[in-house]
Amino acid sequence: MDKLEQIFSRQKELDAHIIDKRNLAGKYTPQEWIQKKCLALIDETAELLNEVNYKWWKNPKEINKDAIGEELVDMLHFWVSMCIDAGLTAADVHNIYMQKNQENHNRQNGKSKKEGYAAE
């Protein structure tokens, strides 16, 4: 099992545990779960912003790499969970990523059929 597959597997286990412990089975559709987790992802993103001194009106604080890592992993938890709710596997995510990454390179190099990305 590769690392991404392991992350997906562990997230499935955690999601099942939470659903069982909190009596949430059948309470939400996959779409509703994605909506809820998207909101949670936004919240985790805000927590990450608080770690990287985005408030220009406040005195900056020292960057805490561990706290940043924790917030990024919190975001990953919700992101992977949404992938699972959407029916995507680790292999699906890898394949989609590779295709989109190639397209992003093509866009930056002016080789995409989609207009508006070529560097001038």
N, C-alpha and C. Protein backbone atom coordinates (compact mmCIF):
# COMPACT_ATOMS: atom_id res chain seq x y z
N MET A 1 0.85 -1.18 0.00
CA MET A 1 0.00 0.00 0.00
C MET A 1 0.90 1.24 0.00
N ASP A 2 0.67 2.14 -0.97
CA ASP A 2 1.48 3.35 -1.00
C ASP A 2 0.98 4.36 0.03
N LYS A 3 1.69 5.44 0.17
CA LYS A 3 1.38 6.41 1.23
C LYS A 3 0.02 7.07 1.04
N LEU A 4 -0.34 7.43 -0.19
CA LEU A 4 -1.64 8.04 -0.42
C LEU A 4 -2.76 7.04 -0.14
N GLU A 5 -2.59 5.81 -0.56
CA GLU A 5 -3.58 4.77 -0.26
C GLU A 5 -3.72 4.58 1.25
N GLN A 6 -2.61 4.63 1.96
CA GLN A 6 -2.64 4.49 3.42
C GLN A 6 -3.42 5.65 4.05
N ILE A 7 -3.21 6.85 3.57
CA ILE A 7 -3.95 8.01 4.08
C ILE A 7 -5.45 7.81 3.83
N PHE A 8 -5.82 7.40 2.63
CA PHE A 8 -7.24 7.17 2.33
C PHE A 8 -7.82 6.08 3.23
N SER A 9 -7.08 5.01 3.43
CA SER A 9 -7.54 3.92 4.27
C SER A 9 -7.76 4.38 5.72
N ARG A 10 -6.80 5.09 6.26
CA ARG A 10 -6.90 5.59 7.64
C ARG A 10 -8.06 6.58 7.77
N GLN A 11 -8.27 7.41 6.74
CA GLN A 11 -9.37 8.38 6.80
C GLN A 11 -10.71 7.66 6.77
N LYS A 12 -10.83 6.61 5.96
CA LYS A 12 -12.08 5.82 5.94
C LYS A 12 -12.36 5.26 7.33
N GLU A 13 -11.31 4.74 7.97
CA GLU A 13 -11.47 4.20 9.32
C GLU A 13 -11.91 5.27 10.30
N LEU A 14 -11.29 6.44 10.25
CA LEU A 14 -11.65 7.53 11.16
C LEU A 14 -13.08 7.99 10.91
N ASP A 15 -13.45 8.18 9.65
CA ASP A 15 -14.81 8.61 9.33
C ASP A 15 -15.84 7.61 9.85
N ALA A 16 -15.57 6.32 9.65
CA ALA A 16 -16.49 5.28 10.13
C ALA A 16 -16.59 5.32 11.65
N HIS A 17 -15.48 5.52 12.31
CA HIS A 17 -15.46 5.59 13.77
C HIS A 17 -16.29 6.78 14.27
N ILE A 18 -16.11 7.94 13.66
CA ILE A 18 -16.86 9.13 14.05
C ILE A 18 -18.35 8.92 13.82
N ILE A 19 -18.71 8.37 12.67
CA ILE A 19 -20.12 8.13 12.36
C ILE A 19 -20.73 7.18 13.38
N ASP A 20 -19.99 6.13 13.73
CA ASP A 20 -20.48 5.16 14.71
C ASP A 20 -20.60 5.79 16.09
N LYS A 21 -19.55 6.44 16.56
CA LYS A 21 -19.54 7.01 17.92
C LYS A 21 -20.57 8.11 18.11
N ARG A 22 -20.88 8.83 17.05
CA ARG A 22 -21.79 9.98 17.15
C ARG A 22 -23.17 9.69 16.57
N ASN A 23 -23.43 8.41 16.28
CA ASN A 23 -24.74 7.99 15.77
C ASN A 23 -25.18 8.80 14.55
N LEU A 24 -24.30 8.90 13.58
CA LEU A 24 -24.57 9.69 12.39
C LEU A 24 -24.90 8.86 11.16
N ALA A 25 -24.97 7.54 11.31
CA ALA A 25 -25.22 6.67 10.16
C ALA A 25 -26.54 7.04 9.50
N GLY A 26 -26.50 7.28 8.20
CA GLY A 26 -27.69 7.58 7.43
C GLY A 26 -28.25 8.97 7.63
N LYS A 27 -27.59 9.78 8.43
CA LYS A 27 -28.11 11.11 8.72
C LYS A 27 -27.91 12.09 7.57
N TYR A 28 -26.82 11.93 6.81
CA TYR A 28 -26.51 12.86 5.72
C TYR A 28 -26.21 12.09 4.43
N THR A 29 -26.56 12.72 3.31
CA THR A 29 -26.21 12.16 2.01
C THR A 29 -24.73 12.46 1.75
N PRO A 30 -24.12 11.78 0.77
CA PRO A 30 -22.74 12.13 0.42
C PRO A 30 -22.58 13.62 0.06
N GLN A 31 -23.57 14.20 -0.62
CA GLN A 31 -23.51 15.62 -0.96
C GLN A 31 -23.51 16.48 0.30
N GLU A 32 -24.34 16.13 1.26
CA GLU A 32 -24.40 16.89 2.52
C GLU A 32 -23.10 16.76 3.30
N TRP A 33 -22.52 15.55 3.28
CA TRP A 33 -21.23 15.37 3.96
C TRP A 33 -20.17 16.26 3.31
N ILE A 34 -20.17 16.31 1.98
CA ILE A 34 -19.19 17.15 1.29
C ILE A 34 -19.40 18.62 1.65
N GLN A 35 -20.65 19.04 1.71
CA GLN A 35 -20.94 20.43 2.11
C GLN A 35 -20.38 20.71 3.51
N LYS A 36 -20.66 19.82 4.45
CA LYS A 36 -20.20 20.02 5.83
C LYS A 36 -18.68 20.02 5.91
N LYS A 37 -18.07 19.10 5.19
CA LYS A 37 -16.61 19.00 5.24
C LYS A 37 -15.94 20.16 4.50
N CYS A 38 -16.62 20.69 3.48
CA CYS A 38 -16.09 21.87 2.81
C CYS A 38 -16.08 23.05 3.78
N LEU A 39 -17.13 23.19 4.56
CA LEU A 39 -17.16 24.25 5.58
C LEU A 39 -16.06 24.03 6.61
N ALA A 40 -15.85 22.78 7.02
CA ALA A 40 -14.78 22.48 7.97
C ALA A 40 -13.42 22.80 7.36
N LEU A 41 -13.25 22.52 6.08
CA LEU A 41 -12.00 22.82 5.39
C LEU A 41 -11.77 24.33 5.36
N ILE A 42 -12.82 25.10 5.13
CA ILE A 42 -12.69 26.56 5.16
C ILE A 42 -12.25 27.01 6.55
N ASP A 43 -12.83 26.42 7.59
CA ASP A 43 -12.46 26.77 8.96
C ASP A 43 -10.99 26.45 9.22
N GLU A 44 -10.54 25.28 8.77
CA GLU A 44 -9.14 24.91 8.95
C GLU A 44 -8.22 25.84 8.16
N THR A 45 -8.68 26.29 7.00
CA THR A 45 -7.90 27.24 6.21
C THR A 45 -7.74 28.56 6.97
N ALA A 46 -8.81 28.99 7.62
CA ALA A 46 -8.74 30.21 8.44
C ALA A 46 -7.76 30.02 9.59
N GLU A 47 -7.76 28.83 10.19
CA GLU A 47 -6.81 28.56 11.28
C GLU A 47 -5.37 28.61 10.76
N LEU A 48 -5.15 28.11 9.54
CA LEU A 48 -3.82 28.20 8.94
C LEU A 48 -3.44 29.66 8.71
N LEU A 49 -4.36 30.45 8.20
CA LEU A 49 -4.09 31.87 7.99
C LEU A 49 -3.64 32.54 9.28
N ASN A 50 -4.25 32.17 10.39
CA ASN A 50 -3.88 32.76 11.67
C ASN A 50 -2.45 32.41 12.07
N GLU A 51 -1.92 31.32 11.54
CA GLU A 51 -0.56 30.90 11.86
C GLU A 51 0.50 31.60 11.01
N VAL A 52 0.07 32.27 9.93
CA VAL A 52 1.06 32.84 9.00
C VAL A 52 0.98 34.36 8.90
N ASN A 53 0.53 34.99 9.96
CA ASN A 53 0.58 36.44 10.08
C ASN A 53 -0.08 37.19 8.93
N TYR A 54 -1.29 36.81 8.58
CA TYR A 54 -1.95 37.53 7.49
C TYR A 54 -2.55 38.85 7.95
N LYS A 55 -2.67 39.05 9.25
CA LYS A 55 -3.27 40.28 9.77
C LYS A 55 -2.21 41.38 9.81
N TRP A 56 -2.18 42.20 8.77
CA TRP A 56 -1.18 43.25 8.66
C TRP A 56 -1.34 44.32 9.74
N TRP A 57 -2.50 44.37 10.39
CA TRP A 57 -2.75 45.37 11.43
C TRP A 57 -2.29 44.93 12.81
N LYS A 58 -1.74 43.71 12.90
CA LYS A 58 -1.23 43.20 14.18
C LYS A 58 0.28 43.03 14.10
N ASN A 59 0.90 43.02 15.26
CA ASN A 59 2.33 42.72 15.31
C ASN A 59 2.54 41.27 14.92
N PRO A 60 3.50 41.01 14.04
CA PRO A 60 3.74 39.62 13.63
C PRO A 60 4.26 38.78 14.79
N LYS A 61 3.91 37.51 14.74
CA LYS A 61 4.43 36.56 15.73
C LYS A 61 5.36 35.60 15.00
N GLU A 62 6.18 34.92 15.77
CA GLU A 62 7.11 33.96 15.19
C GLU A 62 6.31 32.82 14.55
N ILE A 63 6.75 32.41 13.37
CA ILE A 63 6.09 31.33 12.66
C ILE A 63 6.38 30.00 13.38
N ASN A 64 5.32 29.24 13.62
CA ASN A 64 5.42 27.95 14.28
C ASN A 64 5.20 26.86 13.22
N LYS A 65 6.29 26.28 12.75
CA LYS A 65 6.22 25.28 11.69
C LYS A 65 5.35 24.08 12.09
N ASP A 66 5.42 23.67 13.34
CA ASP A 66 4.61 22.54 13.80
C ASP A 66 3.11 22.87 13.72
N ALA A 67 2.75 24.09 14.13
CA ALA A 67 1.34 24.49 14.08
C ALA A 67 0.86 24.58 12.63
N ILE A 68 1.70 25.09 11.76
CA ILE A 68 1.35 25.15 10.33
C ILE A 68 1.14 23.74 9.79
N GLY A 69 2.05 22.83 10.12
CA GLY A 69 1.91 21.45 9.68
C GLY A 69 0.63 20.81 10.18
N GLU A 70 0.29 21.08 11.43
CA GLU A 70 -0.93 20.52 12.00
C GLU A 70 -2.18 21.04 11.28
N GLU A 71 -2.21 22.32 10.98
CA GLU A 71 -3.37 22.87 10.27
C GLU A 71 -3.45 22.32 8.84
N LEU A 72 -2.31 22.19 8.18
CA LEU A 72 -2.32 21.61 6.83
C LEU A 72 -2.82 20.17 6.85
N VAL A 73 -2.42 19.41 7.86
CA VAL A 73 -2.88 18.02 7.96
C VAL A 73 -4.37 17.97 8.32
N ASP A 74 -4.83 18.89 9.16
CA ASP A 74 -6.27 18.98 9.43
C ASP A 74 -7.02 19.21 8.12
N MET A 75 -6.48 20.08 7.27
CA MET A 75 -7.10 20.34 5.97
C MET A 75 -7.09 19.08 5.12
N LEU A 76 -5.99 18.35 5.17
CA LEU A 76 -5.88 17.11 4.40
C LEU A 76 -6.92 16.09 4.85
N HIS A 77 -7.14 15.99 6.15
CA HIS A 77 -8.17 15.06 6.67
C HIS A 77 -9.51 15.33 6.00
N PHE A 78 -9.94 16.59 6.01
CA PHE A 78 -11.25 16.91 5.43
C PHE A 78 -11.24 16.75 3.92
N TRP A 79 -10.13 17.11 3.28
CA TRP A 79 -10.04 16.99 1.83
C TRP A 79 -10.13 15.53 1.39
N VAL A 80 -9.38 14.66 2.06
CA VAL A 80 -9.42 13.23 1.72
C VAL A 80 -10.80 12.67 2.00
N SER A 81 -11.39 13.07 3.11
CA SER A 81 -12.72 12.60 3.46
C SER A 81 -13.73 12.99 2.38
N MET A 82 -13.61 14.20 1.84
CA MET A 82 -14.51 14.62 0.75
C MET A 82 -14.26 13.79 -0.51
N CYS A 83 -13.01 13.48 -0.78
CA CYS A 83 -12.70 12.61 -1.93
C CYS A 83 -13.41 11.28 -1.78
N ILE A 84 -13.35 10.72 -0.59
CA ILE A 84 -13.99 9.44 -0.32
C ILE A 84 -15.50 9.56 -0.50
N ASP A 85 -16.09 10.63 0.05
CA ASP A 85 -17.53 10.85 -0.10
C ASP A 85 -17.92 11.00 -1.57
N ALA A 86 -17.03 11.54 -2.39
CA ALA A 86 -17.29 11.72 -3.82
C ALA A 86 -17.04 10.44 -4.62
N GLY A 87 -16.59 9.38 -3.92
CA GLY A 87 -16.35 8.11 -4.60
C GLY A 87 -15.00 7.99 -5.26
N LEU A 88 -14.07 8.87 -4.89
CA LEU A 88 -12.73 8.82 -5.47
C LEU A 88 -11.79 7.98 -4.61
N THR A 89 -10.96 7.19 -5.25
CA THR A 89 -9.94 6.41 -4.57
C THR A 89 -8.61 7.16 -4.63
N ALA A 90 -7.65 6.67 -3.89
CA ALA A 90 -6.30 7.25 -3.96
C ALA A 90 -5.78 7.19 -5.40
N ALA A 91 -6.02 6.07 -6.08
CA ALA A 91 -5.58 5.94 -7.47
C ALA A 91 -6.27 6.95 -8.37
N ASP A 92 -7.57 7.16 -8.15
CA ASP A 92 -8.30 8.17 -8.93
C ASP A 92 -7.68 9.55 -8.74
N VAL A 93 -7.42 9.91 -7.48
CA VAL A 93 -6.86 11.22 -7.17
C VAL A 93 -5.49 11.36 -7.84
N HIS A 94 -4.68 10.32 -7.77
CA HIS A 94 -3.36 10.36 -8.40
C HIS A 94 -3.50 10.58 -9.90
N ASN A 95 -4.38 9.83 -10.55
CA ASN A 95 -4.55 9.96 -12.00
C ASN A 95 -5.07 11.34 -12.38
N ILE A 96 -6.07 11.83 -11.66
CA ILE A 96 -6.63 13.16 -11.96
C ILE A 96 -5.56 14.22 -11.73
N TYR A 97 -4.80 14.08 -10.64
CA TYR A 97 -3.73 15.04 -10.35
C TYR A 97 -2.71 15.07 -11.49
N MET A 98 -2.27 13.91 -11.93
CA MET A 98 -1.25 13.85 -12.97
C MET A 98 -1.74 14.50 -14.26
N GLN A 99 -3.00 14.25 -14.62
CA GLN A 99 -3.57 14.86 -15.82
C GLN A 99 -3.65 16.38 -15.66
N LYS A 100 -4.16 16.83 -14.53
CA LYS A 100 -4.33 18.27 -14.30
C LYS A 100 -2.97 18.96 -14.18
N ASN A 101 -2.00 18.29 -13.56
CA ASN A 101 -0.67 18.87 -13.45
C ASN A 101 -0.06 19.07 -14.84
N GLN A 102 -0.24 18.10 -15.73
CA GLN A 102 0.27 18.23 -17.09
C GLN A 102 -0.41 19.38 -17.80
N GLU A 103 -1.74 19.48 -17.62
CA GLU A 103 -2.48 20.57 -18.24
C GLU A 103 -2.00 21.92 -17.70
N ASN A 104 -1.73 22.01 -16.40
CA ASN A 104 -1.23 23.26 -15.82
C ASN A 104 0.14 23.64 -16.40
N HIS A 105 0.99 22.63 -16.61
CA HIS A 105 2.28 22.90 -17.28
C HIS A 105 2.04 23.39 -18.70
N ASN A 106 1.13 22.71 -19.40
CA ASN A 106 0.81 23.11 -20.77
C ASN A 106 0.30 24.55 -20.82
N ARG A 107 -0.55 24.90 -19.87
CA ARG A 107 -1.08 26.27 -19.83
C ARG A 107 0.04 27.28 -19.64
N GLN A 108 0.95 27.00 -18.73
CA GLN A 108 2.04 27.94 -18.46
C GLN A 108 3.01 28.04 -19.62
N ASN A 109 3.06 27.00 -20.44
CA ASN A 109 3.98 26.97 -21.58
C ASN A 109 3.29 27.33 -22.89
N GLY A 110 2.03 27.81 -22.79
CA GLY A 110 1.31 28.22 -24.00
C GLY A 110 0.93 27.07 -24.90
N LYS A 111 0.84 25.87 -24.37
CA LYS A 111 0.52 24.69 -25.18
C LYS A 111 -0.87 24.14 -24.90
N SER A 112 -1.68 24.89 -24.18
CA SER A 112 -3.03 24.45 -23.84
C SER A 112 -4.02 24.96 -24.86
N LYS A 113 -5.11 24.24 -25.03
CA LYS A 113 -6.19 24.71 -25.88
C LYS A 113 -6.99 25.81 -25.16
N LYS A 114 -6.85 25.88 -23.84
CA LYS A 114 -7.55 26.89 -23.07
C LYS A 114 -6.75 28.19 -23.11
N GLU A 115 -7.42 29.27 -23.45
CA GLU A 115 -6.74 30.55 -23.63
C GLU A 115 -6.59 31.31 -22.31
N GLY A 116 -5.62 32.24 -22.32
CA GLY A 116 -5.47 33.16 -21.21
C GLY A 116 -4.39 32.79 -20.21
N TYR A 117 -3.62 31.76 -20.49
CA TYR A 117 -2.60 31.32 -19.54
C TYR A 117 -1.18 31.55 -20.01
N ALA A 118 -0.98 31.74 -21.29
CA ALA A 118 0.39 31.86 -21.83
C ALA A 118 1.08 33.07 -21.21
N ALA A 119 2.32 32.85 -20.77
CA ALA A 119 3.12 33.95 -20.22
C ALA A 119 3.51 34.87 -21.36
N GLU A 120 3.45 36.15 -21.11
CA GLU A 120 3.77 37.10 -22.18
C GLU A 120 5.19 37.55 -22.15
